[in-house]
Every structure is written in C-alpha cells, then in structure tokens.
N, C-alpha and C. Protein backbone atom coordinates (compact mmCIF):
# COMPACT_ATOMS: atom_id res chain seq x y z
N UNK A 1 -59.03 -16.02 4.85
CA UNK A 1 -58.52 -14.97 5.70
C UNK A 1 -57.25 -15.42 6.42
N UNK A 2 -57.21 -16.67 6.79
CA UNK A 2 -56.06 -17.22 7.49
C UNK A 2 -54.82 -17.18 6.59
N UNK A 3 -54.96 -17.47 5.32
CA UNK A 3 -53.84 -17.44 4.38
C UNK A 3 -53.33 -16.01 4.22
N UNK A 4 -54.23 -15.04 4.25
CA UNK A 4 -53.84 -13.63 4.14
C UNK A 4 -52.98 -13.21 5.32
N UNK A 5 -53.38 -13.62 6.54
CA UNK A 5 -52.61 -13.26 7.74
C UNK A 5 -51.25 -13.96 7.75
N UNK A 6 -51.21 -15.20 7.29
CA UNK A 6 -49.94 -15.92 7.23
C UNK A 6 -49.00 -15.26 6.21
N UNK A 7 -49.55 -14.86 5.08
CA UNK A 7 -48.75 -14.19 4.05
C UNK A 7 -48.22 -12.86 4.57
N UNK A 8 -49.07 -12.14 5.30
CA UNK A 8 -48.66 -10.85 5.85
C UNK A 8 -47.56 -11.05 6.89
N UNK A 9 -47.70 -12.07 7.75
CA UNK A 9 -46.69 -12.36 8.77
C UNK A 9 -45.37 -12.79 8.11
N UNK A 10 -45.46 -13.56 7.02
CA UNK A 10 -44.28 -14.00 6.29
C UNK A 10 -43.55 -12.80 5.68
N UNK A 11 -44.29 -11.89 5.09
CA UNK A 11 -43.69 -10.69 4.50
C UNK A 11 -43.03 -9.82 5.58
N UNK A 12 -43.67 -9.74 6.75
CA UNK A 12 -43.12 -8.95 7.84
C UNK A 12 -41.79 -9.54 8.31
N UNK A 13 -41.70 -10.87 8.47
CA UNK A 13 -40.45 -11.52 8.87
C UNK A 13 -39.37 -11.33 7.80
N UNK A 14 -39.76 -11.46 6.53
CA UNK A 14 -38.82 -11.26 5.42
C UNK A 14 -38.26 -9.84 5.44
N UNK A 15 -39.11 -8.86 5.66
CA UNK A 15 -38.70 -7.46 5.72
C UNK A 15 -37.75 -7.24 6.90
N UNK A 16 -38.05 -7.82 8.07
CA UNK A 16 -37.21 -7.66 9.24
C UNK A 16 -35.82 -8.28 9.01
N UNK A 17 -35.79 -9.46 8.41
CA UNK A 17 -34.50 -10.10 8.12
C UNK A 17 -33.69 -9.28 7.11
N UNK A 18 -34.37 -8.75 6.10
CA UNK A 18 -33.71 -7.90 5.12
C UNK A 18 -33.17 -6.63 5.75
N UNK A 19 -33.95 -6.03 6.64
CA UNK A 19 -33.52 -4.81 7.32
C UNK A 19 -32.31 -5.09 8.21
N UNK A 20 -32.30 -6.21 8.91
CA UNK A 20 -31.16 -6.58 9.74
C UNK A 20 -29.93 -6.80 8.87
N UNK A 21 -30.09 -7.45 7.73
CA UNK A 21 -28.96 -7.68 6.82
C UNK A 21 -28.39 -6.37 6.29
N UNK A 22 -29.27 -5.44 5.92
CA UNK A 22 -28.81 -4.14 5.40
C UNK A 22 -28.08 -3.36 6.49
N UNK A 23 -28.63 -3.34 7.70
CA UNK A 23 -27.99 -2.62 8.80
C UNK A 23 -26.63 -3.25 9.12
N UNK A 24 -26.55 -4.57 9.09
CA UNK A 24 -25.28 -5.26 9.33
C UNK A 24 -24.24 -4.88 8.28
N UNK A 25 -24.65 -4.83 7.03
CA UNK A 25 -23.72 -4.44 5.96
C UNK A 25 -23.24 -3.00 6.13
N UNK A 26 -24.14 -2.12 6.54
CA UNK A 26 -23.76 -0.71 6.77
C UNK A 26 -22.75 -0.61 7.90
N UNK A 27 -22.96 -1.36 8.98
CA UNK A 27 -22.03 -1.34 10.11
C UNK A 27 -20.66 -1.90 9.68
N UNK A 28 -20.65 -3.00 8.96
CA UNK A 28 -19.39 -3.59 8.50
C UNK A 28 -18.66 -2.63 7.57
N UNK A 29 -19.39 -1.99 6.66
CA UNK A 29 -18.78 -1.02 5.76
C UNK A 29 -18.23 0.17 6.54
N UNK A 30 -18.96 0.63 7.55
CA UNK A 30 -18.49 1.74 8.38
C UNK A 30 -17.21 1.39 9.11
N UNK A 31 -17.13 0.17 9.64
CA UNK A 31 -15.92 -0.26 10.33
C UNK A 31 -14.75 -0.32 9.35
N UNK A 32 -15.00 -0.85 8.15
CA UNK A 32 -13.96 -0.92 7.12
C UNK A 32 -13.45 0.47 6.77
N UNK A 33 -14.33 1.41 6.57
CA UNK A 33 -13.94 2.78 6.21
C UNK A 33 -13.15 3.42 7.34
N UNK A 34 -13.56 3.23 8.58
CA UNK A 34 -12.84 3.81 9.71
C UNK A 34 -11.43 3.22 9.83
N UNK A 35 -11.30 1.91 9.67
CA UNK A 35 -9.99 1.28 9.76
C UNK A 35 -9.08 1.76 8.63
N UNK A 36 -9.64 1.92 7.45
CA UNK A 36 -8.86 2.41 6.32
C UNK A 36 -8.42 3.84 6.56
N UNK A 37 -9.31 4.67 7.07
CA UNK A 37 -8.99 6.08 7.31
C UNK A 37 -7.93 6.23 8.39
N UNK A 38 -7.90 5.34 9.35
CA UNK A 38 -6.95 5.44 10.45
C UNK A 38 -5.74 4.53 10.28
N UNK A 39 -5.57 3.94 9.10
CA UNK A 39 -4.51 2.97 8.90
C UNK A 39 -3.12 3.58 8.85
N UNK A 40 -2.98 4.83 8.45
CA UNK A 40 -1.66 5.46 8.39
C UNK A 40 -1.18 5.85 9.77
N UNK A 41 0.12 5.98 9.91
CA UNK A 41 0.66 6.41 11.20
C UNK A 41 0.37 7.90 11.37
N UNK A 42 0.48 8.34 12.58
CA UNK A 42 0.21 9.75 12.87
C UNK A 42 1.19 10.65 12.11
N UNK A 43 2.44 10.22 11.97
CA UNK A 43 3.42 11.02 11.24
C UNK A 43 3.02 11.18 9.78
N UNK A 44 2.53 10.09 9.16
CA UNK A 44 2.13 10.16 7.76
C UNK A 44 0.94 11.10 7.59
N UNK A 45 0.03 11.07 8.55
CA UNK A 45 -1.15 11.92 8.42
C UNK A 45 -0.81 13.38 8.63
N UNK A 46 0.22 13.67 9.42
CA UNK A 46 0.57 15.05 9.73
C UNK A 46 1.53 15.65 8.71
N UNK A 47 2.07 14.83 7.82
CA UNK A 47 3.06 15.32 6.88
C UNK A 47 2.52 16.38 5.95
N UNK A 48 1.35 16.17 5.38
CA UNK A 48 0.79 17.13 4.47
C UNK A 48 1.58 17.21 3.18
N UNK A 49 1.62 18.39 2.60
CA UNK A 49 2.32 18.59 1.34
C UNK A 49 3.82 18.72 1.59
N UNK A 50 4.64 18.23 0.67
CA UNK A 50 6.09 18.32 0.85
C UNK A 50 6.58 19.75 0.66
N UNK A 51 7.70 20.04 1.27
CA UNK A 51 8.33 21.35 1.12
C UNK A 51 9.71 21.20 0.49
N UNK A 52 10.43 22.29 0.45
CA UNK A 52 11.77 22.29 -0.15
C UNK A 52 12.72 21.36 0.58
N UNK A 53 12.67 21.36 1.91
CA UNK A 53 13.56 20.50 2.68
C UNK A 53 13.28 19.02 2.40
N UNK A 54 12.00 18.68 2.27
CA UNK A 54 11.63 17.29 1.97
C UNK A 54 12.16 16.89 0.59
N UNK A 55 11.99 17.77 -0.39
CA UNK A 55 12.46 17.48 -1.75
C UNK A 55 13.98 17.31 -1.77
N UNK A 56 14.71 18.15 -1.03
CA UNK A 56 16.17 18.05 -0.99
C UNK A 56 16.60 16.75 -0.33
N UNK A 57 15.92 16.37 0.75
CA UNK A 57 16.24 15.13 1.45
C UNK A 57 16.09 13.92 0.51
N UNK A 58 15.01 13.91 -0.27
CA UNK A 58 14.77 12.80 -1.20
C UNK A 58 15.73 12.89 -2.39
N UNK A 59 16.04 14.09 -2.84
CA UNK A 59 16.97 14.26 -3.97
C UNK A 59 18.32 13.63 -3.63
N UNK A 60 18.77 13.79 -2.39
CA UNK A 60 20.04 13.18 -1.98
C UNK A 60 19.98 11.66 -2.10
N UNK A 61 18.81 11.08 -1.84
CA UNK A 61 18.66 9.63 -1.96
C UNK A 61 18.75 9.18 -3.42
N UNK A 62 18.28 10.03 -4.34
CA UNK A 62 18.37 9.69 -5.77
C UNK A 62 19.79 9.89 -6.29
N UNK A 63 20.51 10.89 -5.79
CA UNK A 63 21.84 11.22 -6.29
C UNK A 63 22.91 10.26 -5.76
N UNK A 64 22.80 9.89 -4.51
CA UNK A 64 23.83 9.08 -3.84
C UNK A 64 24.27 7.85 -4.66
N UNK A 65 23.36 7.04 -5.24
CA UNK A 65 23.82 5.86 -6.00
C UNK A 65 24.54 6.19 -7.31
N UNK A 66 24.40 7.41 -7.82
CA UNK A 66 25.02 7.75 -9.11
C UNK A 66 26.47 8.17 -8.96
N UNK A 67 26.93 8.41 -7.74
CA UNK A 67 28.31 8.84 -7.50
C UNK A 67 29.12 7.62 -7.06
N UNK A 68 30.25 7.42 -7.71
CA UNK A 68 31.06 6.21 -7.48
C UNK A 68 31.62 6.15 -6.06
N UNK A 69 32.09 7.25 -5.57
CA UNK A 69 32.67 7.29 -4.23
C UNK A 69 31.55 7.18 -3.19
N UNK A 70 31.75 6.37 -2.18
CA UNK A 70 30.72 6.16 -1.16
C UNK A 70 30.79 7.15 -0.01
N UNK A 71 31.90 7.87 0.10
CA UNK A 71 32.08 8.86 1.15
C UNK A 71 31.65 10.22 0.61
N UNK A 72 30.36 10.52 0.69
CA UNK A 72 29.79 11.71 0.07
C UNK A 72 29.24 12.64 1.15
N UNK A 73 29.45 13.93 0.95
CA UNK A 73 28.89 14.93 1.86
C UNK A 73 28.04 15.91 1.04
N UNK A 74 26.85 16.18 1.54
CA UNK A 74 25.95 17.15 0.91
C UNK A 74 25.88 18.37 1.82
N UNK A 75 25.83 19.57 1.23
CA UNK A 75 25.70 20.76 2.08
C UNK A 75 24.31 20.80 2.72
N UNK A 76 24.27 21.29 3.94
CA UNK A 76 22.97 21.37 4.62
C UNK A 76 22.17 22.60 4.19
N UNK A 77 22.87 23.67 3.82
CA UNK A 77 22.14 24.88 3.44
C UNK A 77 22.49 25.38 2.04
N UNK A 78 23.41 24.73 1.37
CA UNK A 78 23.85 25.22 0.06
C UNK A 78 23.09 24.60 -1.09
N UNK A 79 21.80 24.66 -1.05
CA UNK A 79 21.00 24.13 -2.14
C UNK A 79 19.90 25.11 -2.52
N UNK A 80 19.43 24.97 -3.74
CA UNK A 80 18.31 25.77 -4.22
C UNK A 80 17.18 24.82 -4.60
N UNK A 81 15.98 25.22 -4.28
CA UNK A 81 14.84 24.38 -4.60
C UNK A 81 13.70 25.26 -5.06
N UNK A 82 13.14 24.90 -6.21
CA UNK A 82 11.99 25.64 -6.74
C UNK A 82 10.82 24.66 -6.85
N UNK A 83 9.67 25.11 -6.37
CA UNK A 83 8.47 24.28 -6.46
C UNK A 83 7.64 24.74 -7.64
N UNK A 84 7.27 23.78 -8.47
CA UNK A 84 6.41 24.05 -9.62
C UNK A 84 5.02 23.49 -9.32
N UNK A 85 4.04 23.76 -10.18
CA UNK A 85 2.70 23.19 -9.94
C UNK A 85 2.72 21.67 -9.94
N UNK A 86 1.70 21.08 -9.38
CA UNK A 86 1.51 19.62 -9.34
C UNK A 86 2.60 18.90 -8.56
N UNK A 87 3.09 19.51 -7.49
CA UNK A 87 4.09 18.89 -6.60
C UNK A 87 5.36 18.48 -7.33
N UNK A 88 5.83 19.32 -8.23
CA UNK A 88 7.09 19.10 -8.94
C UNK A 88 8.13 20.04 -8.33
N UNK A 89 9.29 19.49 -7.99
CA UNK A 89 10.37 20.26 -7.37
C UNK A 89 11.63 20.15 -8.20
N UNK A 90 12.33 21.28 -8.38
CA UNK A 90 13.62 21.29 -9.05
C UNK A 90 14.66 21.65 -7.99
N UNK A 91 15.59 20.74 -7.76
CA UNK A 91 16.60 20.92 -6.72
C UNK A 91 17.96 21.06 -7.40
N UNK A 92 18.70 22.11 -7.02
CA UNK A 92 20.07 22.33 -7.51
C UNK A 92 20.99 22.36 -6.31
N UNK A 93 22.07 21.58 -6.40
CA UNK A 93 23.05 21.55 -5.32
C UNK A 93 24.31 20.85 -5.79
N UNK A 94 25.10 20.41 -4.84
CA UNK A 94 26.32 19.67 -5.17
C UNK A 94 26.57 18.62 -4.10
N UNK A 95 27.41 17.66 -4.46
CA UNK A 95 27.85 16.63 -3.53
C UNK A 95 29.36 16.60 -3.58
N UNK A 96 29.96 16.52 -2.42
CA UNK A 96 31.42 16.47 -2.34
C UNK A 96 31.84 15.05 -1.98
N UNK A 97 32.55 14.41 -2.90
CA UNK A 97 33.06 13.06 -2.67
C UNK A 97 34.45 13.20 -2.05
N UNK A 98 34.57 12.69 -0.84
CA UNK A 98 35.84 12.82 -0.12
C UNK A 98 36.66 11.55 -0.30
N UNK A 99 37.84 11.72 -0.83
CA UNK A 99 38.75 10.59 -1.01
C UNK A 99 39.95 10.77 -0.10
N UNK A 100 41.10 10.52 -0.65
CA UNK A 100 42.33 10.74 0.10
C UNK A 100 42.50 12.24 0.32
N UNK A 101 43.27 12.63 1.30
CA UNK A 101 43.46 14.07 1.56
C UNK A 101 43.91 14.81 0.30
N UNK A 102 43.18 15.85 -0.02
CA UNK A 102 43.51 16.67 -1.19
C UNK A 102 42.90 16.17 -2.48
N UNK A 103 42.14 15.09 -2.46
CA UNK A 103 41.56 14.58 -3.71
C UNK A 103 40.03 14.58 -3.66
N UNK A 104 39.48 15.63 -3.12
CA UNK A 104 38.03 15.74 -3.08
C UNK A 104 37.50 16.15 -4.45
N UNK A 105 36.39 15.57 -4.85
CA UNK A 105 35.77 15.97 -6.12
C UNK A 105 34.34 16.43 -5.83
N UNK A 106 33.94 17.45 -6.55
CA UNK A 106 32.61 18.02 -6.36
C UNK A 106 31.76 17.73 -7.59
N UNK A 107 30.57 17.21 -7.35
CA UNK A 107 29.62 16.92 -8.42
C UNK A 107 28.41 17.82 -8.25
N UNK A 108 28.20 18.70 -9.21
CA UNK A 108 27.00 19.54 -9.19
C UNK A 108 25.86 18.77 -9.83
N UNK A 109 24.66 19.00 -9.32
CA UNK A 109 23.52 18.29 -9.90
C UNK A 109 22.27 19.16 -9.88
N UNK A 110 21.41 18.85 -10.80
CA UNK A 110 20.06 19.43 -10.86
C UNK A 110 19.12 18.26 -11.10
N UNK A 111 18.14 18.12 -10.22
CA UNK A 111 17.21 17.00 -10.32
C UNK A 111 15.79 17.53 -10.21
N UNK A 112 14.91 16.98 -11.04
CA UNK A 112 13.49 17.33 -11.02
C UNK A 112 12.72 16.13 -10.50
N UNK A 113 11.99 16.35 -9.41
CA UNK A 113 11.23 15.29 -8.75
C UNK A 113 9.76 15.64 -8.70
N UNK A 114 8.92 14.62 -8.78
CA UNK A 114 7.48 14.80 -8.64
C UNK A 114 7.00 13.97 -7.46
N UNK A 115 6.29 14.60 -6.54
CA UNK A 115 5.71 13.91 -5.40
C UNK A 115 4.38 13.32 -5.83
N UNK A 116 4.20 12.00 -5.63
CA UNK A 116 2.99 11.32 -6.09
C UNK A 116 2.03 10.99 -4.96
N UNK A 117 2.38 11.33 -3.73
CA UNK A 117 1.48 11.11 -2.61
C UNK A 117 2.04 10.11 -1.63
N UNK A 118 1.58 10.20 -0.40
CA UNK A 118 2.04 9.31 0.65
C UNK A 118 2.96 10.02 1.61
N UNK A 119 3.84 9.25 2.24
CA UNK A 119 4.80 9.80 3.19
C UNK A 119 5.86 10.56 2.41
N UNK A 120 6.08 11.83 2.75
CA UNK A 120 6.99 12.67 1.97
C UNK A 120 8.45 12.25 2.11
N UNK A 121 8.79 11.53 3.16
CA UNK A 121 10.17 11.11 3.35
C UNK A 121 10.52 9.80 2.66
N UNK A 122 9.54 9.15 2.08
CA UNK A 122 9.77 7.86 1.44
C UNK A 122 10.09 8.05 -0.04
N UNK A 123 11.25 7.56 -0.45
CA UNK A 123 11.70 7.72 -1.84
C UNK A 123 10.72 7.10 -2.84
N UNK A 124 10.01 6.04 -2.43
CA UNK A 124 9.07 5.37 -3.33
C UNK A 124 7.87 6.24 -3.68
N UNK A 125 7.65 7.31 -2.94
CA UNK A 125 6.53 8.21 -3.21
C UNK A 125 6.92 9.38 -4.10
N UNK A 126 8.10 9.33 -4.67
CA UNK A 126 8.61 10.37 -5.55
C UNK A 126 9.02 9.73 -6.88
N UNK A 127 8.87 10.47 -7.95
CA UNK A 127 9.31 10.03 -9.27
C UNK A 127 10.35 11.03 -9.78
N UNK A 128 11.47 10.50 -10.27
CA UNK A 128 12.49 11.37 -10.85
C UNK A 128 12.10 11.65 -12.30
N UNK A 129 11.94 12.92 -12.63
CA UNK A 129 11.57 13.31 -13.98
C UNK A 129 12.81 13.59 -14.83
N UNK A 130 13.85 14.16 -14.19
CA UNK A 130 15.05 14.51 -14.94
C UNK A 130 16.20 14.70 -13.96
N UNK A 131 17.42 14.39 -14.43
CA UNK A 131 18.59 14.58 -13.59
C UNK A 131 19.78 14.94 -14.46
N UNK A 132 20.50 15.98 -14.06
CA UNK A 132 21.74 16.40 -14.73
C UNK A 132 22.84 16.46 -13.69
N UNK A 133 23.98 15.88 -14.01
CA UNK A 133 25.15 15.94 -13.14
C UNK A 133 26.33 16.51 -13.92
N UNK A 134 27.14 17.30 -13.23
CA UNK A 134 28.37 17.86 -13.81
C UNK A 134 29.54 17.51 -12.92
C-alpha cells in the first residue's frame, strides 16, 4: 500500500510540473505574439491599403533614377492613376527636367506598380511590373 501512495504522489508531482511547464510556454508564446503584433509603428498600422496618391509618390521614386538630369520636377496634380485588382496601380504622368533657361525637356511615363504589403510609402514594398517612357 505504501508503494501505491508513493507512486500516486510521484504522478501528482509530475503532473503539476508538466502543467506549470505548459502554462509557462503559453505565457511566453502569448508575450511573443503580442510583441510581434505591436512591433510596427503606429503610422505603419494606420496606413491600410494604398491609394492613388501613394502609388504616384512611389512611382516618382522609380522614375527619378531613369532620367539623366537631376533637376526634375513632377506635377502635383497632373497625373492619372488607375487601380486594378490585387493592389496593382497604373500611373501616367510626366517629369520636367530643368536645365539651362529655355532647355527644359519633358519625359512622359506610364508605370505599373504592385503593392506587396507593408508601409505604403516605402519603395521596397512595391514591385515595378512595367515602365514606358517617352
């Protein structure tokens, strides 16, 4: 009978230790999930889906390196943007390269961008699908 009680007490301690280990793992996992969920800045969390203005802002970042002249001006309201399914945007506009007085050149462009997620203002979160310049 004594061996039975010792075995029962041993099983009870084993169960208690196992229960404490499981609860500890659940708490650690919960902390990990909370830190991951709150890891982004408030601006990133509030951004949501990109809009036409966001796509145009990023399109300018893709176009700027393709133009030889570094003094470039983009119109603030003279652009067209169409949103397609799956966060694909087609932006049409122009860039004016300002050189010496009277030697301005205008480059028209059409660029197709896909938003892949993340901060909408970050160029790394966009993929260029196609670009045409005239």
